[in-house]
Amino acid sequence: MNAELQLQAQASRASAPIGSQLRSALAVTPTTHSDQREEPPHAHPTTQGGDHIQAYTVEQVAEMLHVGRDKIYQLLRTGQLRSIKIGNSRRITNKHLAEFIASLEARK
């Protein structure tokens, strides 16, 4: 039993410097709470006129226009609706949508 107490005492003495270093490091490090985090300001892309640019998926545009996804791809293939490509993804901006709708209204 005496040997067991000696091992515990040695372990305690060995970890004491580490514990004091951790305590001093924690005392120096300012604590931040989740509500105090500083987040970088998000720069939203804008047009030259200052309007915010919104980019939609093909599925989102199909839902907005109440048509099928295949119809949107057909409009893209024929050039009636423009889009941009980001990697393998196709996105349709609010400007592209506005141009498409304006072209439909001009046909009337």
Protein backbone atom coordinates (compact mmCIF):
# COMPACT_ATOMS: atom_id res chain seq x y z
CA MET A 1 0.00 0.00 0.00
CA ASN A 2 2.89 2.35 0.80
CA ALA A 3 4.30 1.83 -2.74
CA GLU A 4 0.91 2.74 -4.20
CA LEU A 5 0.85 6.02 -2.27
CA GLN A 6 4.37 6.81 -3.44
CA LEU A 7 3.34 6.27 -7.10
CA GLN A 8 0.32 8.56 -6.66
CA ALA A 9 2.53 11.24 -5.08
CA GLN A 10 5.03 11.01 -7.95
CA ALA A 11 2.28 11.26 -10.54
CA SER A 12 0.81 14.25 -8.74
CA ARG A 13 4.18 16.03 -8.61
CA ALA A 14 4.82 15.27 -12.30
CA SER A 15 1.49 16.71 -13.41
CA ALA A 16 1.71 19.80 -11.19
CA PRO A 17 3.88 21.84 -13.63
CA ILE A 18 1.55 20.97 -16.50
CA GLY A 19 -1.49 21.99 -14.46
CA SER A 20 0.08 25.31 -13.49
CA GLN A 21 1.04 25.99 -17.12
CA LEU A 22 -2.52 25.30 -18.23
CA ARG A 23 -3.94 27.56 -15.54
CA SER A 24 -1.60 30.41 -16.51
CA ALA A 25 -2.39 29.93 -20.21
CA LEU A 26 -6.11 30.01 -19.49
CA ALA A 27 -5.70 33.14 -17.39
CA VAL A 28 -3.98 34.92 -20.29
CA THR A 29 -6.39 33.71 -22.99
CA PRO A 30 -9.52 35.88 -23.13
CA THR A 31 -12.72 33.93 -22.97
CA THR A 32 -15.22 34.39 -25.73
CA HIS A 33 -18.82 33.42 -25.56
CA SER A 34 -20.82 32.36 -28.59
CA ASP A 35 -22.75 35.64 -28.52
CA GLN A 36 -19.51 37.67 -28.46
CA ARG A 37 -17.80 36.15 -31.52
CA GLU A 38 -16.59 38.61 -34.04
CA GLU A 39 -17.63 37.48 -37.47
CA PRO A 40 -16.23 39.06 -40.61
CA PRO A 41 -18.75 41.15 -42.49
CA HIS A 42 -20.27 39.19 -45.34
CA ALA A 43 -19.81 40.91 -48.65
CA HIS A 44 -22.88 40.25 -50.75
CA PRO A 45 -22.27 40.41 -54.50
CA THR A 46 -24.01 43.34 -56.11
CA THR A 47 -24.65 44.60 -59.61
CA GLN A 48 -23.34 47.92 -60.88
CA GLY A 49 -26.64 49.46 -59.85
CA GLY A 50 -26.14 48.26 -56.28
CA ASP A 51 -28.78 45.51 -56.39
CA HIS A 52 -27.94 42.24 -54.67
CA ILE A 53 -27.32 39.29 -56.97
CA GLN A 54 -29.22 36.12 -56.19
CA ALA A 55 -28.35 32.81 -57.90
CA TYR A 56 -30.86 29.97 -58.10
CA THR A 57 -30.64 26.31 -59.01
CA VAL A 58 -32.53 24.92 -61.97
CA GLU A 59 -34.93 23.24 -59.57
CA GLN A 60 -35.60 26.50 -57.71
CA VAL A 61 -36.33 28.37 -60.94
CA ALA A 62 -38.64 25.57 -62.12
CA GLU A 63 -40.55 25.84 -58.86
CA MET A 64 -40.73 29.65 -59.09
CA LEU A 65 -42.07 29.54 -62.66
CA HIS A 66 -44.35 26.55 -61.94
CA VAL A 67 -42.82 24.47 -64.72
CA GLY A 68 -40.82 21.26 -64.77
CA ARG A 69 -37.08 20.96 -64.45
CA ASP A 70 -36.86 19.62 -68.02
CA LYS A 71 -38.56 22.77 -69.33
CA ILE A 72 -35.88 24.95 -67.67
CA TYR A 73 -33.11 22.84 -69.22
CA GLN A 74 -34.82 23.15 -72.61
CA LEU A 75 -34.97 26.95 -72.21
CA LEU A 76 -31.26 26.92 -71.31
CA ARG A 77 -30.35 24.74 -74.32
CA THR A 78 -32.23 27.01 -76.73
CA GLY A 79 -30.68 30.15 -75.26
CA GLN A 80 -34.00 31.63 -74.19
CA LEU A 81 -32.85 31.56 -70.56
CA ARG A 82 -29.25 32.32 -69.65
CA SER A 83 -27.25 30.92 -66.76
CA ILE A 84 -23.79 30.74 -65.26
CA LYS A 85 -21.76 27.67 -64.44
CA ILE A 86 -19.97 27.30 -61.12
CA GLY A 87 -17.94 24.10 -61.20
CA ASN A 88 -20.39 21.41 -62.27
CA SER A 89 -23.39 23.39 -61.03
CA ARG A 90 -25.60 25.57 -63.17
CA ARG A 91 -27.01 28.73 -61.56
CA ILE A 92 -29.55 31.21 -62.87
CA THR A 93 -29.24 34.71 -61.45
CA ASN A 94 -32.11 37.06 -60.74
CA LYS A 95 -30.84 39.19 -63.65
CA HIS A 96 -31.13 36.21 -66.02
CA LEU A 97 -34.66 35.57 -64.78
CA ALA A 98 -35.66 39.21 -65.22
CA GLU A 99 -34.29 39.22 -68.78
CA PHE A 100 -36.18 36.02 -69.60
CA ILE A 101 -39.47 37.36 -68.21
CA ALA A 102 -38.98 40.67 -70.03
CA SER A 103 -38.45 38.78 -73.29
CA LEU A 104 -41.69 36.89 -72.73
CA GLU A 105 -43.56 40.13 -72.08
CA ALA A 106 -42.06 41.73 -75.20
CA ARG A 107 -43.48 38.91 -77.36
CA LYS A 108 -47.07 39.75 -76.39
